[in-house]
């Protein structure tokens, strides 16, 4: 059940009192508890939309809420003040929960709980300085197939995340900009697609000196200055200059470059290629509208740390 009207009035008075002494309501994560969920628990999701479940947590679990949106999906047919209830809470780690099952303050007529900051309109964290977003109008897909991880058809984001390990640099002029690169836990030999789909292979082979930690890698030009790169392959099945489609298997997962088997992929804009085949310059591009075909069809507008990613 949602909180009572009396409780809401008390909270608003408290916020007003804070304003009187000149202190702003802090736009930082605050702890609230899960309440009223069913026996399965409350779904932690990668987006403020259904069917993007990462895990479930039971009633009583404390979660750090950083901000809210009021334009997510309606869940379980919940209605508030005669309108579909579409308020979602963004957690401190970038994941999402449906606000109905949290003991956050009761939402007002604007669909937000008083005292909790509003997320930006997209619900996506701010873009890192110097990076760019992959255009939502341009095709982008998860680079795994239904064969991933023994036929499970999904992988977990693990290993390095944004701004971790080799996943650094937005727009340096002399380095490989990999801030928004992602690592997916996959099995040796799993088939790999080009994230950007159809395009022209710019390079396929062993990464040259200076880029050797990529191992065997494939670079695909998707037009308009947009490239994708997949690293650490155990084998590649395309050649430089080859035209590929969305469904072309370009290689197989491996651990070349000195790593355990996994799939590292990145997106770049206006990057350059050395004569030997090394990528540098341009800008790291954040995956947006990343299409998938399982776990119900749809797309990921962001990938959070530790998220399940479906083919």
C-alpha atoms as a PDB file:
ATOM      1  CA  UNK A   1       0.000   0.000   0.000  1.00  0.00           C
ATOM      2  CA  UNK A   2       1.083   3.599  -0.544  1.00  0.00           C
ATOM      3  CA  UNK A   3       1.630   5.989   2.346  1.00  0.00           C
ATOM      4  CA  UNK A   4      -1.252   7.942   3.854  1.00  0.00           C
ATOM      5  CA  UNK A   5      -2.159  11.481   2.922  1.00  0.00           C
ATOM      6  CA  UNK A   6      -1.385  12.580   6.486  1.00  0.00           C
ATOM      7  CA  UNK A   7       2.171  11.286   6.165  1.00  0.00           C
ATOM      8  CA  UNK A   8       2.619  13.194   2.931  1.00  0.00           C
ATOM      9  CA  UNK A   9       1.545  16.481   4.546  1.00  0.00           C
ATOM     10  CA  UNK A  10       3.990  15.966   7.413  1.00  0.00           C
ATOM     11  CA  UNK A  11       6.851  15.379   4.985  1.00  0.00           C
ATOM     12  CA  UNK A  12       6.088  18.489   2.948  1.00  0.00           C
ATOM     13  CA  UNK A  13       6.082  20.574   6.126  1.00  0.00           C
ATOM     14  CA  UNK A  14       9.483  19.120   7.002  1.00  0.00           C
ATOM     15  CA  UNK A  15      10.903  20.030   3.602  1.00  0.00           C
ATOM     16  CA  UNK A  16       9.522  23.551   3.876  1.00  0.00           C
ATOM     17  CA  UNK A  17      11.159  23.925   7.272  1.00  0.00           C
ATOM     18  CA  UNK A  18      14.510  22.938   5.799  1.00  0.00           C
ATOM     19  CA  UNK A  19      14.084  25.622   3.158  1.00  0.00           C
ATOM     20  CA  UNK A  20      13.468  28.266   5.819  1.00  0.00           C
ATOM     21  CA  UNK A  21      16.929  27.786   7.307  1.00  0.00           C
ATOM     22  CA  UNK A  22      18.474  28.012   3.852  1.00  0.00           C
ATOM     23  CA  UNK A  23      19.419  24.371   3.294  1.00  0.00           C
ATOM     24  CA  UNK A  24      18.515  22.717  -0.023  1.00  0.00           C
ATOM     25  CA  UNK A  25      17.174  19.179  -0.100  1.00  0.00           C
ATOM     26  CA  UNK A  26      20.301  17.133  -0.907  1.00  0.00           C
ATOM     27  CA  UNK A  27      20.400  15.571  -4.378  1.00  0.00           C
ATOM     28  CA  UNK A  28      22.180  12.477  -3.049  1.00  0.00           C
ATOM     29  CA  UNK A  29      21.172   8.871  -2.531  1.00  0.00           C
ATOM     30  CA  UNK A  30      18.861   8.281   0.443  1.00  0.00           C
ATOM     31  CA  UNK A  31      17.932   4.889   1.855  1.00  0.00           C
ATOM     32  CA  UNK A  32      14.396   3.502   1.594  1.00  0.00           C
ATOM     33  CA  UNK A  33      12.964   0.007   2.027  1.00  0.00           C
ATOM     34  CA  UNK A  34      11.120  -2.440  -0.217  1.00  0.00           C
ATOM     35  CA  UNK A  35       7.570  -3.024   0.986  1.00  0.00           C
ATOM     36  CA  UNK A  36       4.464  -4.730  -0.357  1.00  0.00           C
ATOM     37  CA  UNK A  37       6.167  -6.843  -3.042  1.00  0.00           C
ATOM     38  CA  UNK A  38       4.982 -10.408  -3.665  1.00  0.00           C
ATOM     39  CA  UNK A  39       6.836 -13.563  -2.611  1.00  0.00           C
ATOM     40  CA  UNK A  40       9.238 -13.246  -5.559  1.00  0.00           C
ATOM     41  CA  UNK A  41      10.296  -9.839  -4.321  1.00  0.00           C
ATOM     42  CA  UNK A  42      10.822  -6.534  -6.099  1.00  0.00           C
ATOM     43  CA  UNK A  43      12.540  -6.589  -9.498  1.00  0.00           C
ATOM     44  CA  UNK A  44      15.753  -4.609  -9.870  1.00  0.00           C
ATOM     45  CA  UNK A  45      15.764  -3.620 -13.542  1.00  0.00           C
ATOM     46  CA  UNK A  46      18.246  -2.057 -15.959  1.00  0.00           C
ATOM     47  CA  UNK A  47      15.673   0.476 -17.203  1.00  0.00           C
ATOM     48  CA  UNK A  48      12.470   2.051 -15.847  1.00  0.00           C
ATOM     49  CA  UNK A  49      10.575  -0.479 -17.937  1.00  0.00           C
ATOM     50  CA  UNK A  50       9.340  -4.035 -17.421  1.00  0.00           C
ATOM     51  CA  UNK A  51      11.134  -7.141 -18.732  1.00  0.00           C
ATOM     52  CA  UNK A  52      14.637  -5.849 -17.986  1.00  0.00           C
ATOM     53  CA  UNK A  53      15.108  -7.724 -14.709  1.00  0.00           C
ATOM     54  CA  UNK A  54      18.589  -8.075 -13.234  1.00  0.00           C
ATOM     55  CA  UNK A  55      17.591  -9.683  -9.915  1.00  0.00           C
ATOM     56  CA  UNK A  56      14.881  -9.696  -7.220  1.00  0.00           C
ATOM     57  CA  UNK A  57      15.150  -8.444  -3.645  1.00  0.00           C
ATOM     58  CA  UNK A  58      12.777  -9.295  -0.761  1.00  0.00           C
ATOM     59  CA  UNK A  59      10.618  -6.984   1.324  1.00  0.00           C
ATOM     60  CA  UNK A  60      12.626  -5.096   3.910  1.00  0.00           C
ATOM     61  CA  UNK A  61      15.673  -4.676   1.666  1.00  0.00           C
ATOM     62  CA  UNK A  62      17.254  -1.222   1.986  1.00  0.00           C
ATOM     63  CA  UNK A  63      17.982   0.480  -1.337  1.00  0.00           C
ATOM     64  CA  UNK A  64      19.699   3.797  -2.056  1.00  0.00           C
ATOM     65  CA  UNK A  65      17.424   5.971  -4.217  1.00  0.00           C
ATOM     66  CA  UNK A  66      19.182   8.799  -6.052  1.00  0.00           C
ATOM     67  CA  UNK A  67      16.356  10.220  -8.211  1.00  0.00           C
ATOM     68  CA  UNK A  68      12.978   9.495  -9.835  1.00  0.00           C
ATOM     69  CA  UNK A  69      11.268   9.581 -13.211  1.00  0.00           C
ATOM     70  CA  UNK A  70       7.508   9.761 -13.717  1.00  0.00           C
ATOM     71  CA  UNK A  71       7.374   8.347 -17.250  1.00  0.00           C
ATOM     72  CA  UNK A  72       8.311   4.694 -16.832  1.00  0.00           C
ATOM     73  CA  UNK A  73       6.065   1.679 -17.358  1.00  0.00           C
ATOM     74  CA  UNK A  74       2.924   0.967 -15.368  1.00  0.00           C
ATOM     75  CA  UNK A  75       3.355  -2.273 -13.378  1.00  0.00           C
ATOM     76  CA  UNK A  76       0.628  -4.619 -12.093  1.00  0.00           C
ATOM     77  CA  UNK A  77      -2.053  -2.228 -13.329  1.00  0.00           C
ATOM     78  CA  UNK A  78      -1.369   0.186 -10.450  1.00  0.00           C
ATOM     79  CA  UNK A  79      -3.365   3.431 -10.555  1.00  0.00           C
ATOM     80  CA  UNK A  80      -2.900   6.523  -8.392  1.00  0.00           C
ATOM     81  CA  UNK A  81      -5.190   9.578  -8.373  1.00  0.00           C
ATOM     82  CA  UNK A  82      -7.031   8.074 -11.344  1.00  0.00           C
ATOM     83  CA  UNK A  83      -3.904   7.806 -13.490  1.00  0.00           C
ATOM     84  CA  UNK A  84      -1.566   4.910 -14.347  1.00  0.00           C
ATOM     85  CA  UNK A  85       1.242   4.855 -11.789  1.00  0.00           C
ATOM     86  CA  UNK A  86       4.485   5.320 -13.753  1.00  0.00           C
ATOM     87  CA  UNK A  87       6.978   6.512 -11.112  1.00  0.00           C
ATOM     88  CA  UNK A  88      10.316   4.654 -10.931  1.00  0.00           C
ATOM     89  CA  UNK A  89      13.277   5.116  -8.621  1.00  0.00           C
ATOM     90  CA  UNK A  90      16.820   5.188  -9.929  1.00  0.00           C
ATOM     91  CA  UNK A  91      19.200   3.558  -7.469  1.00  0.00           C
ATOM     92  CA  UNK A  92      22.720   4.749  -6.677  1.00  0.00           C
ATOM     93  CA  UNK A  93      24.217   1.993  -8.880  1.00  0.00           C
ATOM     94  CA  UNK A  94      22.193   3.093 -11.943  1.00  0.00           C
ATOM     95  CA  UNK A  95      19.540   0.366 -11.771  1.00  0.00           C
ATOM     96  CA  UNK A  96      15.788   0.930 -11.372  1.00  0.00           C
ATOM     97  CA  UNK A  97      12.827  -0.186  -9.211  1.00  0.00           C
ATOM     98  CA  UNK A  98       9.098   0.492  -9.448  1.00  0.00           C
ATOM     99  CA  UNK A  99       8.343   3.111  -6.795  1.00  0.00           C
ATOM    100  CA  UNK A 100       4.975   1.634  -5.782  1.00  0.00           C
ATOM    101  CA  UNK A 101       6.775  -1.041  -3.782  1.00  0.00           C
ATOM    102  CA  UNK A 102       9.125   1.350  -1.952  1.00  0.00           C
ATOM    103  CA  UNK A 103       8.436   3.323   1.236  1.00  0.00           C
ATOM    104  CA  UNK A 104       9.537   6.558  -0.390  1.00  0.00           C
ATOM    105  CA  UNK A 105       7.301   9.597   0.331  1.00  0.00           C
ATOM    106  CA  UNK A 106       3.960   9.525  -1.463  1.00  0.00           C
ATOM    107  CA  UNK A 107       4.164  11.028  -4.926  1.00  0.00           C
ATOM    108  CA  UNK A 108       2.439  14.317  -5.608  1.00  0.00           C
ATOM    109  CA  UNK A 109       0.376  15.358  -8.575  1.00  0.00           C
ATOM    110  CA  UNK A 110       3.542  15.711 -10.648  1.00  0.00           C
ATOM    111  CA  UNK A 111       4.386  12.019 -10.153  1.00  0.00           C
ATOM    112  CA  UNK A 112       7.413  12.648  -7.924  1.00  0.00           C
ATOM    113  CA  UNK A 113       8.009  12.093  -4.209  1.00  0.00           C
ATOM    114  CA  UNK A 114       8.724  15.390  -2.444  1.00  0.00           C
ATOM    115  CA  UNK A 115      12.355  15.674  -1.448  1.00  0.00           C
ATOM    116  CA  UNK A 116      13.664  13.180  -4.031  1.00  0.00           C
ATOM    117  CA  UNK A 117      15.503  14.736  -7.019  1.00  0.00           C
ATOM    118  CA  UNK A 118      14.152  14.293 -10.546  1.00  0.00           C
ATOM    119  CA  UNK A 119      16.336  12.310 -12.944  1.00  0.00           C
ATOM    120  CA  UNK A 120      16.930  13.832 -16.351  1.00  0.00           C
ATOM    121  CA  UNK A 121      14.145  13.254 -18.869  1.00  0.00           C
ATOM    122  CA  UNK A 122      15.701  10.098 -20.295  1.00  0.00           C
ATOM    123  CA  UNK A 123      16.521   8.536 -16.942  1.00  0.00           C
ATOM    124  CA  UNK A 124      20.053   7.921 -18.198  1.00  0.00           C
ATOM    125  CA  UNK A 125      23.105   9.175 -16.245  1.00  0.00           C
ATOM    126  CA  UNK A 126      24.892  12.245 -17.631  1.00  0.00           C
ATOM    127  CA  UNK A 127      27.307  11.570 -20.484  1.00  0.00           C
ATOM    128  CA  UNK A 128      31.000  11.551 -19.530  1.00  0.00           C
ATOM    129  CA  UNK A 129      32.751  14.727 -20.673  1.00  0.00           C
ATOM    130  CA  UNK A 130      34.186  14.389 -24.172  1.00  0.00           C
ATOM    131  CA  UNK A 131      32.275  11.210 -25.032  1.00  0.00           C
ATOM    132  CA  UNK A 132      29.272  10.918 -27.366  1.00  0.00           C
ATOM    133  CA  UNK A 133      26.096   8.841 -27.474  1.00  0.00           C
ATOM    134  CA  UNK A 134      25.561   6.306 -30.232  1.00  0.00           C
ATOM    135  CA  UNK A 135      22.665   7.824 -32.222  1.00  0.00           C
ATOM    136  CA  UNK A 136      19.323   6.293 -31.264  1.00  0.00           C
ATOM    137  CA  UNK A 137      18.354   6.430 -34.951  1.00  0.00           C
ATOM    138  CA  UNK A 138      21.319   4.220 -35.932  1.00  0.00           C
ATOM    139  CA  UNK A 139      21.146   0.419 -35.627  1.00  0.00           C
ATOM    140  CA  UNK A 140      22.843  -1.149 -32.620  1.00  0.00           C
ATOM    141  CA  UNK A 141      22.512  -4.682 -31.295  1.00  0.00           C
ATOM    142  CA  UNK A 142      23.878  -6.881 -28.538  1.00  0.00           C
ATOM    143  CA  UNK A 143      26.860  -8.698 -30.137  1.00  0.00           C
ATOM    144  CA  UNK A 144      25.931 -12.170 -28.878  1.00  0.00           C
ATOM    145  CA  UNK A 145      23.665 -14.869 -30.280  1.00  0.00           C
ATOM    146  CA  UNK A 146      21.332 -17.507 -28.858  1.00  0.00           C
ATOM    147  CA  UNK A 147      24.374 -19.816 -28.616  1.00  0.00           C
ATOM    148  CA  UNK A 148      25.993 -17.666 -25.926  1.00  0.00           C
ATOM    149  CA  UNK A 149      27.077 -19.434 -22.735  1.00  0.00           C
ATOM    150  CA  UNK A 150      26.032 -22.934 -23.662  1.00  0.00           C
ATOM    151  CA  UNK A 151      22.807 -21.866 -25.352  1.00  0.00           C
ATOM    152  CA  UNK A 152      21.613 -19.671 -22.490  1.00  0.00           C
ATOM    153  CA  UNK A 153      21.391 -16.772 -24.924  1.00  0.00           C
ATOM    154  CA  UNK A 154      22.575 -14.177 -22.445  1.00  0.00           C
ATOM    155  CA  UNK A 155      25.700 -12.931 -20.710  1.00  0.00           C
ATOM    156  CA  UNK A 156      26.421 -10.903 -17.612  1.00  0.00           C
ATOM    157  CA  UNK A 157      28.301  -7.646 -17.730  1.00  0.00           C
ATOM    158  CA  UNK A 158      31.401  -8.376 -15.665  1.00  0.00           C
ATOM    159  CA  UNK A 159      35.064  -7.511 -15.637  1.00  0.00           C
ATOM    160  CA  UNK A 160      35.750  -3.826 -16.216  1.00  0.00           C
ATOM    161  CA  UNK A 161      32.936  -1.297 -16.465  1.00  0.00           C
ATOM    162  CA  UNK A 162      32.995   2.359 -17.518  1.00  0.00           C
ATOM    163  CA  UNK A 163      36.175   4.140 -16.388  1.00  0.00           C
ATOM    164  CA  UNK A 164      37.682   0.918 -15.032  1.00  0.00           C
ATOM    165  CA  UNK A 165      40.789  -0.958 -16.149  1.00  0.00           C
ATOM    166  CA  UNK A 166      41.410  -0.325 -19.846  1.00  0.00           C
ATOM    167  CA  UNK A 167      37.946   1.217 -20.204  1.00  0.00           C
ATOM    168  CA  UNK A 168      39.180   4.807 -20.079  1.00  0.00           C
ATOM    169  CA  UNK A 169      39.491   7.927 -22.275  1.00  0.00           C
ATOM    170  CA  UNK A 170      36.693   9.778 -24.036  1.00  0.00           C
ATOM    171  CA  UNK A 171      38.516  11.821 -26.637  1.00  0.00           C
ATOM    172  CA  UNK A 172      42.298  11.601 -26.333  1.00  0.00           C
ATOM    173  CA  UNK A 173      44.045  12.253 -29.653  1.00  0.00           C
ATOM    174  CA  UNK A 174      46.754   9.597 -29.395  1.00  0.00           C
ATOM    175  CA  UNK A 175      45.077   6.703 -27.554  1.00  0.00           C
ATOM    176  CA  UNK A 176      42.278   4.206 -28.055  1.00  0.00           C
ATOM    177  CA  UNK A 177      39.224   5.812 -26.437  1.00  0.00           C
ATOM    178  CA  UNK A 178      37.441   3.050 -24.531  1.00  0.00           C
ATOM    179  CA  UNK A 179      35.546   4.780 -21.721  1.00  0.00           C
ATOM    180  CA  UNK A 180      32.198   3.226 -22.714  1.00  0.00           C
ATOM    181  CA  UNK A 181      33.576  -0.194 -23.668  1.00  0.00           C
ATOM    182  CA  UNK A 182      31.813  -3.188 -22.091  1.00  0.00           C
ATOM    183  CA  UNK A 183      32.949  -6.646 -21.027  1.00  0.00           C
ATOM    184  CA  UNK A 184      30.493  -9.544 -21.276  1.00  0.00           C
ATOM    185  CA  UNK A 185      31.181 -12.871 -19.594  1.00  0.00           C
ATOM    186  CA  UNK A 186      31.045 -15.478 -22.380  1.00  0.00           C
ATOM    187  CA  UNK A 187      32.490 -18.889 -23.192  1.00  0.00           C
ATOM    188  CA  UNK A 188      35.504 -19.579 -25.365  1.00  0.00           C
ATOM    189  CA  UNK A 189      34.300 -20.003 -28.949  1.00  0.00           C
ATOM    190  CA  UNK A 190      30.901 -18.306 -28.572  1.00  0.00           C
ATOM    191  CA  UNK A 191      29.918 -16.586 -31.861  1.00  0.00           C
ATOM    192  CA  UNK A 192      30.179 -12.794 -32.049  1.00  0.00           C
ATOM    193  CA  UNK A 193      28.210 -10.260 -34.110  1.00  0.00           C
ATOM    194  CA  UNK A 194      29.208  -6.689 -34.964  1.00  0.00           C
ATOM    195  CA  UNK A 195      27.368  -4.457 -32.458  1.00  0.00           C
ATOM    196  CA  UNK A 196      26.591  -1.862 -35.123  1.00  0.00           C
ATOM    197  CA  UNK A 197      25.327  -4.470 -37.574  1.00  0.00           C
ATOM    198  CA  UNK A 198      25.869  -4.001 -41.292  1.00  0.00           C
ATOM    199  CA  UNK A 199      29.012  -2.259 -42.470  1.00  0.00           C
ATOM    200  CA  UNK A 200      32.508  -2.662 -43.887  1.00  0.00           C
ATOM    201  CA  UNK A 201      35.320  -4.431 -42.059  1.00  0.00           C
ATOM    202  CA  UNK A 202      38.138  -1.907 -41.486  1.00  0.00           C
ATOM    203  CA  UNK A 203      40.525  -4.415 -39.913  1.00  0.00           C
ATOM    204  CA  UNK A 204      40.483  -8.057 -38.848  1.00  0.00           C
ATOM    205  CA  UNK A 205      43.500  -9.695 -37.281  1.00  0.00           C
ATOM    206  CA  UNK A 206      46.071  -9.433 -34.539  1.00  0.00           C
ATOM    207  CA  UNK A 207      46.179  -6.049 -32.848  1.00  0.00           C
ATOM    208  CA  UNK A 208      49.530  -4.370 -33.562  1.00  0.00           C
ATOM    209  CA  UNK A 209      52.188  -3.325 -31.059  1.00  0.00           C
ATOM    210  CA  UNK A 210      50.744  -0.725 -28.706  1.00  0.00           C
ATOM    211  CA  UNK A 211      47.289  -2.292 -28.959  1.00  0.00           C
ATOM    212  CA  UNK A 212      48.369  -5.861 -28.164  1.00  0.00           C
ATOM    213  CA  UNK A 213      46.069  -6.229 -25.146  1.00  0.00           C
ATOM    214  CA  UNK A 214      43.165  -6.373 -27.625  1.00  0.00           C
ATOM    215  CA  UNK A 215      44.537  -9.651 -28.992  1.00  0.00           C
ATOM    216  CA  UNK A 216      42.676 -10.702 -32.125  1.00  0.00           C
ATOM    217  CA  UNK A 217      40.184  -7.989 -32.951  1.00  0.00           C
ATOM    218  CA  UNK A 218      37.757  -6.811 -35.613  1.00  0.00           C
ATOM    219  CA  UNK A 219      36.900  -3.213 -36.451  1.00  0.00           C
ATOM    220  CA  UNK A 220      33.752  -2.465 -38.465  1.00  0.00           C
ATOM    221  CA  UNK A 221      32.848   0.849 -40.115  1.00  0.00           C
ATOM    222  CA  UNK A 222      29.083   1.414 -39.862  1.00  0.00           C
ATOM    223  CA  UNK A 223      29.027   4.648 -41.847  1.00  0.00           C
ATOM    224  CA  UNK A 224      28.940   8.300 -40.866  1.00  0.00           C
ATOM    225  CA  UNK A 225      32.112   8.010 -38.787  1.00  0.00           C
ATOM    226  CA  UNK A 226      30.684   5.340 -36.443  1.00  0.00           C
ATOM    227  CA  UNK A 227      32.829   2.250 -35.762  1.00  0.00           C
ATOM    228  CA  UNK A 228      32.553  -0.801 -33.534  1.00  0.00           C
ATOM    229  CA  UNK A 229      35.410  -2.905 -32.165  1.00  0.00           C
ATOM    230  CA  UNK A 230      35.404  -6.387 -30.602  1.00  0.00           C
ATOM    231  CA  UNK A 231      38.553  -7.621 -28.841  1.00  0.00           C
ATOM    232  CA  UNK A 232      40.175 -10.796 -27.420  1.00  0.00           C
ATOM    233  CA  UNK A 233      38.727 -13.088 -30.100  1.00  0.00           C
ATOM    234  CA  UNK A 234      39.900 -16.666 -30.423  1.00  0.00           C
ATOM    235  CA  UNK A 235      39.213 -16.523 -34.178  1.00  0.00           C
ATOM    236  CA  UNK A 236      37.920 -14.060 -36.767  1.00  0.00           C
ATOM    237  CA  UNK A 237      35.780 -15.039 -39.753  1.00  0.00           C
ATOM    238  CA  UNK A 238      35.842 -11.865 -41.853  1.00  0.00           C
ATOM    239  CA  UNK A 239      38.501 -10.022 -43.809  1.00  0.00           C
ATOM    240  CA  UNK A 240      39.407  -6.359 -44.251  1.00  0.00           C
ATOM    241  CA  UNK A 241      37.165  -4.708 -46.833  1.00  0.00           C
ATOM    242  CA  UNK A 242      34.379  -7.292 -46.510  1.00  0.00           C
ATOM    243  CA  UNK A 243      30.781  -6.093 -46.459  1.00  0.00           C
ATOM    244  CA  UNK A 244      28.808  -7.655 -43.605  1.00  0.00           C
ATOM    245  CA  UNK A 245      25.160  -7.766 -42.530  1.00  0.00           C
ATOM    246  CA  UNK A 246      23.515  -7.544 -39.119  1.00  0.00           C
ATOM    247  CA  UNK A 247      23.691 -11.352 -38.890  1.00  0.00           C
ATOM    248  CA  UNK A 248      27.289 -11.952 -39.991  1.00  0.00           C
ATOM    249  CA  UNK A 249      29.304 -13.921 -37.430  1.00  0.00           C
ATOM    250  CA  UNK A 250      32.531 -11.926 -37.403  1.00  0.00           C
ATOM    251  CA  UNK A 251      34.483 -14.002 -34.886  1.00  0.00           C
ATOM    252  CA  UNK A 252      34.500 -16.160 -31.777  1.00  0.00           C
ATOM    253  CA  UNK A 253      34.978 -15.210 -28.125  1.00  0.00           C
ATOM    254  CA  UNK A 254      38.423 -15.776 -26.653  1.00  0.00           C
ATOM    255  CA  UNK A 255      40.962 -14.398 -24.224  1.00  0.00           C
ATOM    256  CA  UNK A 256      43.739 -13.265 -26.563  1.00  0.00           C
ATOM    257  CA  UNK A 257      45.731 -10.318 -25.327  1.00  0.00           C
ATOM    258  CA  UNK A 258      46.270 -11.936 -21.940  1.00  0.00           C
ATOM    259  CA  UNK A 259      42.783 -12.279 -20.468  1.00  0.00           C
ATOM    260  CA  UNK A 260      40.280 -14.942 -19.453  1.00  0.00           C
ATOM    261  CA  UNK A 261      37.707 -15.558 -22.231  1.00  0.00           C
ATOM    262  CA  UNK A 262      35.169 -12.762 -22.475  1.00  0.00           C
ATOM    263  CA  UNK A 263      33.829 -10.325 -25.067  1.00  0.00           C
ATOM    264  CA  UNK A 264      35.106  -6.760 -24.964  1.00  0.00           C
ATOM    265  CA  UNK A 265      33.291  -4.424 -27.331  1.00  0.00           C
ATOM    266  CA  UNK A 266      33.370  -0.691 -27.862  1.00  0.00           C
ATOM    267  CA  UNK A 267      31.879   1.978 -30.090  1.00  0.00           C
ATOM    268  CA  UNK A 268      33.686   5.018 -31.466  1.00  0.00           C
ATOM    269  CA  UNK A 269      33.035   8.117 -33.490  1.00  0.00           C
ATOM    270  CA  UNK A 270      35.481   9.674 -35.970  1.00  0.00           C
ATOM    271  CA  UNK A 271      38.364   7.461 -34.848  1.00  0.00           C
ATOM    272  CA  UNK A 272      41.472   6.839 -36.958  1.00  0.00           C
ATOM    273  CA  UNK A 273      43.406   3.739 -37.954  1.00  0.00           C
ATOM    274  CA  UNK A 274      47.182   3.402 -38.172  1.00  0.00           C
ATOM    275  CA  UNK A 275      48.736   1.667 -41.169  1.00  0.00           C
ATOM    276  CA  UNK A 276      49.381  -1.336 -38.915  1.00  0.00           C
ATOM    277  CA  UNK A 277      45.755  -1.491 -37.758  1.00  0.00           C
ATOM    278  CA  UNK A 278      45.673   0.374 -34.427  1.00  0.00           C
ATOM    279  CA  UNK A 279      42.652   2.487 -33.461  1.00  0.00           C
ATOM    280  CA  UNK A 280      43.189   5.923 -31.923  1.00  0.00           C
ATOM    281  CA  UNK A 281      41.583   9.351 -31.577  1.00  0.00           C
ATOM    282  CA  UNK A 282      37.937  10.164 -32.124  1.00  0.00           C
ATOM    283  CA  UNK A 283      35.485   9.737 -29.264  1.00  0.00           C
ATOM    284  CA  UNK A 284      34.220   6.850 -27.171  1.00  0.00           C
ATOM    285  CA  UNK A 285      30.503   6.343 -27.849  1.00  0.00           C
ATOM    286  CA  UNK A 286      28.030   5.211 -25.204  1.00  0.00           C
ATOM    287  CA  UNK A 287      25.719   2.346 -26.259  1.00  0.00           C
ATOM    288  CA  UNK A 288      22.139   3.610 -26.615  1.00  0.00           C
ATOM    289  CA  UNK A 289      19.066   1.750 -27.919  1.00  0.00           C
ATOM    290  CA  UNK A 290      20.966  -1.556 -27.932  1.00  0.00           C
ATOM    291  CA  UNK A 291      18.518  -4.023 -29.486  1.00  0.00           C
ATOM    292  CA  UNK A 292      18.027  -7.558 -28.221  1.00  0.00           C
ATOM    293  CA  UNK A 293      15.788 -10.418 -29.325  1.00  0.00           C
ATOM    294  CA  UNK A 294      15.264 -12.443 -26.153  1.00  0.00           C
ATOM    295  CA  UNK A 295      14.139 -11.778 -22.570  1.00  0.00           C
ATOM    296  CA  UNK A 296      11.247 -10.353 -24.606  1.00  0.00           C
ATOM    297  CA  UNK A 297      12.313  -8.205 -27.538  1.00  0.00           C
ATOM    298  CA  UNK A 298      13.289  -4.607 -26.971  1.00  0.00           C
ATOM    299  CA  UNK A 299      16.362  -2.521 -26.355  1.00  0.00           C
ATOM    300  CA  UNK A 300      18.654  -1.428 -23.556  1.00  0.00           C
ATOM    301  CA  UNK A 301      19.057   2.317 -23.284  1.00  0.00           C
ATOM    302  CA  UNK A 302      21.898   1.787 -20.856  1.00  0.00           C
ATOM    303  CA  UNK A 303      23.890  -1.163 -19.549  1.00  0.00           C
ATOM    304  CA  UNK A 304      24.489  -1.139 -15.805  1.00  0.00           C
ATOM    305  CA  UNK A 305      27.330  -2.831 -13.956  1.00  0.00           C
ATOM    306  CA  UNK A 306      26.622  -6.529 -13.487  1.00  0.00           C
ATOM    307  CA  UNK A 307      23.544  -6.484 -15.727  1.00  0.00           C
ATOM    308  CA  UNK A 308      22.224  -9.507 -17.606  1.00  0.00           C
ATOM    309  CA  UNK A 309      22.443  -8.832 -21.350  1.00  0.00           C
ATOM    310  CA  UNK A 310      20.331 -10.948 -23.720  1.00  0.00           C
ATOM    311  CA  UNK A 311      21.015 -11.789 -27.361  1.00  0.00           C
END
